Amino acid sequence: MVGKVELGEGEAAIVYVTDARAAANVKVIDVPVSAGVPAAHAGVVVKGWANVPASRSFLDWLAGPDGQAILGSFGFLPPW
């Protein structure tokens, strides 16, 4: 969507903050949390996956302080 705005094919869009930060020639306006426009992402381990323990370890790391610090540096908010 942010690409459409950059090209002048749209006047506004609600996009991920990471996409907005990477965009050129657009004005970014933060949407307050109170507006109720959350974006949620889920992490799962696929049943029958070849390496379930490693997958679970990765998700544990991602949800932990180190993973959250990296995600936060890109504008992602902590899990709620």
C-alpha atoms as a PDB file:
ATOM      1  CA  MET A   1       0.000   0.000   0.000  1.00  0.00           C
ATOM      2  CA  VAL A   2       2.746   2.467   0.821  1.00  0.00           C
ATOM      3  CA  GLY A   3       4.022   1.965  -2.729  1.00  0.00           C
ATOM      4  CA  LYS A   4       0.697   3.172  -4.120  1.00  0.00           C
ATOM      5  CA  VAL A   5       0.944   6.324  -2.013  1.00  0.00           C
ATOM      6  CA  GLU A   6       4.558   6.868  -3.113  1.00  0.00           C
ATOM      7  CA  LEU A   7       3.422   6.627  -6.741  1.00  0.00           C
ATOM      8  CA  GLY A   8       0.595   9.081  -6.170  1.00  0.00           C
ATOM      9  CA  GLU A   9      -2.033   6.381  -6.747  1.00  0.00           C
ATOM     10  CA  GLY A  10      -3.465   6.830  -3.264  1.00  0.00           C
ATOM     11  CA  GLU A  11      -3.715   9.675  -0.800  1.00  0.00           C
ATOM     12  CA  ALA A  12      -3.262   7.724   2.418  1.00  0.00           C
ATOM     13  CA  ALA A  13      -2.834   4.215   3.784  1.00  0.00           C
ATOM     14  CA  ILE A  14      -2.441   2.442   7.091  1.00  0.00           C
ATOM     15  CA  VAL A  15       0.743   0.410   6.802  1.00  0.00           C
ATOM     16  CA  TYR A  16       3.288  -1.263   9.044  1.00  0.00           C
ATOM     17  CA  VAL A  17       5.640   1.228  10.687  1.00  0.00           C
ATOM     18  CA  THR A  18       8.586  -0.639   9.157  1.00  0.00           C
ATOM     19  CA  ASP A  19       7.171  -0.047   5.658  1.00  0.00           C
ATOM     20  CA  ALA A  20       6.462   3.607   6.433  1.00  0.00           C
ATOM     21  CA  ARG A  21      10.007   4.178   7.677  1.00  0.00           C
ATOM     22  CA  ALA A  22      11.449   2.659   4.499  1.00  0.00           C
ATOM     23  CA  ALA A  23       9.243   4.769   2.212  1.00  0.00           C
ATOM     24  CA  ALA A  24      10.495   7.848   0.446  1.00  0.00           C
ATOM     25  CA  ASN A  25       8.525  10.994  -0.233  1.00  0.00           C
ATOM     26  CA  VAL A  26       5.619  10.236   2.106  1.00  0.00           C
ATOM     27  CA  LYS A  27       4.515  11.952   5.272  1.00  0.00           C
ATOM     28  CA  VAL A  28       4.272   9.498   8.172  1.00  0.00           C
ATOM     29  CA  ILE A  29       1.607  10.115  10.805  1.00  0.00           C
ATOM     30  CA  ASP A  30       1.570   7.787  13.804  1.00  0.00           C
ATOM     31  CA  VAL A  31      -1.777   6.138  14.499  1.00  0.00           C
ATOM     32  CA  PRO A  32      -2.380   6.143  18.261  1.00  0.00           C
ATOM     33  CA  VAL A  33      -2.881   2.782  19.944  1.00  0.00           C
ATOM     34  CA  SER A  34      -6.271   4.045  21.115  1.00  0.00           C
ATOM     35  CA  ALA A  35      -7.447   4.064  17.479  1.00  0.00           C
ATOM     36  CA  GLY A  36      -7.621   0.270  17.639  1.00  0.00           C
ATOM     37  CA  VAL A  37      -5.622  -0.565  14.517  1.00  0.00           C
ATOM     38  CA  PRO A  38      -3.293  -3.284  15.839  1.00  0.00           C
ATOM     39  CA  ALA A  39      -1.329  -5.642  13.663  1.00  0.00           C
ATOM     40  CA  ALA A  40      -0.782  -9.076  15.139  1.00  0.00           C
ATOM     41  CA  HIS A  41       1.625 -11.756  13.996  1.00  0.00           C
ATOM     42  CA  ALA A  42       1.666 -15.326  15.204  1.00  0.00           C
ATOM     43  CA  GLY A  43       4.554 -17.726  15.477  1.00  0.00           C
ATOM     44  CA  VAL A  44       3.829 -21.428  15.367  1.00  0.00           C
ATOM     45  CA  VAL A  45       5.635 -24.719  15.069  1.00  0.00           C
ATOM     46  CA  VAL A  46       4.197 -26.791  12.250  1.00  0.00           C
ATOM     47  CA  LYS A  47       3.038 -30.206  13.384  1.00  0.00           C
ATOM     48  CA  GLY A  48       5.270 -32.885  11.912  1.00  0.00           C
ATOM     49  CA  TRP A  49       8.097 -30.457  11.171  1.00  0.00           C
ATOM     50  CA  ALA A  50      11.511 -32.131  10.941  1.00  0.00           C
ATOM     51  CA  ASN A  51      13.098 -30.107  13.729  1.00  0.00           C
ATOM     52  CA  VAL A  52      10.419 -29.212  16.276  1.00  0.00           C
ATOM     53  CA  PRO A  53      12.855 -28.581  19.176  1.00  0.00           C
ATOM     54  CA  ALA A  54      14.853 -26.027  17.154  1.00  0.00           C
ATOM     55  CA  SER A  55      11.648 -24.343  15.999  1.00  0.00           C
ATOM     56  CA  ARG A  56      10.385 -24.054  19.575  1.00  0.00           C
ATOM     57  CA  SER A  57      13.766 -22.722  20.698  1.00  0.00           C
ATOM     58  CA  PHE A  58      13.637 -20.065  17.975  1.00  0.00           C
ATOM     59  CA  LEU A  59      10.135 -18.953  18.979  1.00  0.00           C
ATOM     60  CA  ASP A  60      11.201 -18.841  22.642  1.00  0.00           C
ATOM     61  CA  TRP A  61      14.184 -16.694  21.671  1.00  0.00           C
ATOM     62  CA  LEU A  62      12.016 -14.436  19.479  1.00  0.00           C
ATOM     63  CA  ALA A  63       9.538 -13.845  22.319  1.00  0.00           C
ATOM     64  CA  GLY A  64      12.357 -13.313  24.824  1.00  0.00           C
ATOM     65  CA  PRO A  65      14.333 -10.164  25.591  1.00  0.00           C
ATOM     66  CA  ASP A  66      16.954 -10.586  22.847  1.00  0.00           C
ATOM     67  CA  GLY A  67      14.437 -11.233  20.066  1.00  0.00           C
ATOM     68  CA  GLN A  68      12.143  -8.466  21.295  1.00  0.00           C
ATOM     69  CA  ALA A  69      15.039  -6.008  21.384  1.00  0.00           C
ATOM     70  CA  ILE A  70      15.821  -6.736  17.731  1.00  0.00           C
ATOM     71  CA  LEU A  71      12.166  -6.515  16.693  1.00  0.00           C
ATOM     72  CA  GLY A  72      11.795  -3.323  18.722  1.00  0.00           C
ATOM     73  CA  SER A  73      14.721  -1.750  16.866  1.00  0.00           C
ATOM     74  CA  PHE A  74      12.619  -2.111  13.705  1.00  0.00           C
ATOM     75  CA  GLY A  75       9.540  -0.550  15.284  1.00  0.00           C
ATOM     76  CA  PHE A  76       7.682  -3.662  16.353  1.00  0.00           C
ATOM     77  CA  LEU A  77       5.887  -3.452  19.676  1.00  0.00           C
ATOM     78  CA  PRO A  78       6.193  -6.149  22.362  1.00  0.00           C
ATOM     79  CA  PRO A  79       3.559  -8.916  22.510  1.00  0.00           C
ATOM     80  CA  TRP A  80       0.313  -8.047  24.246  1.00  0.00           C
END
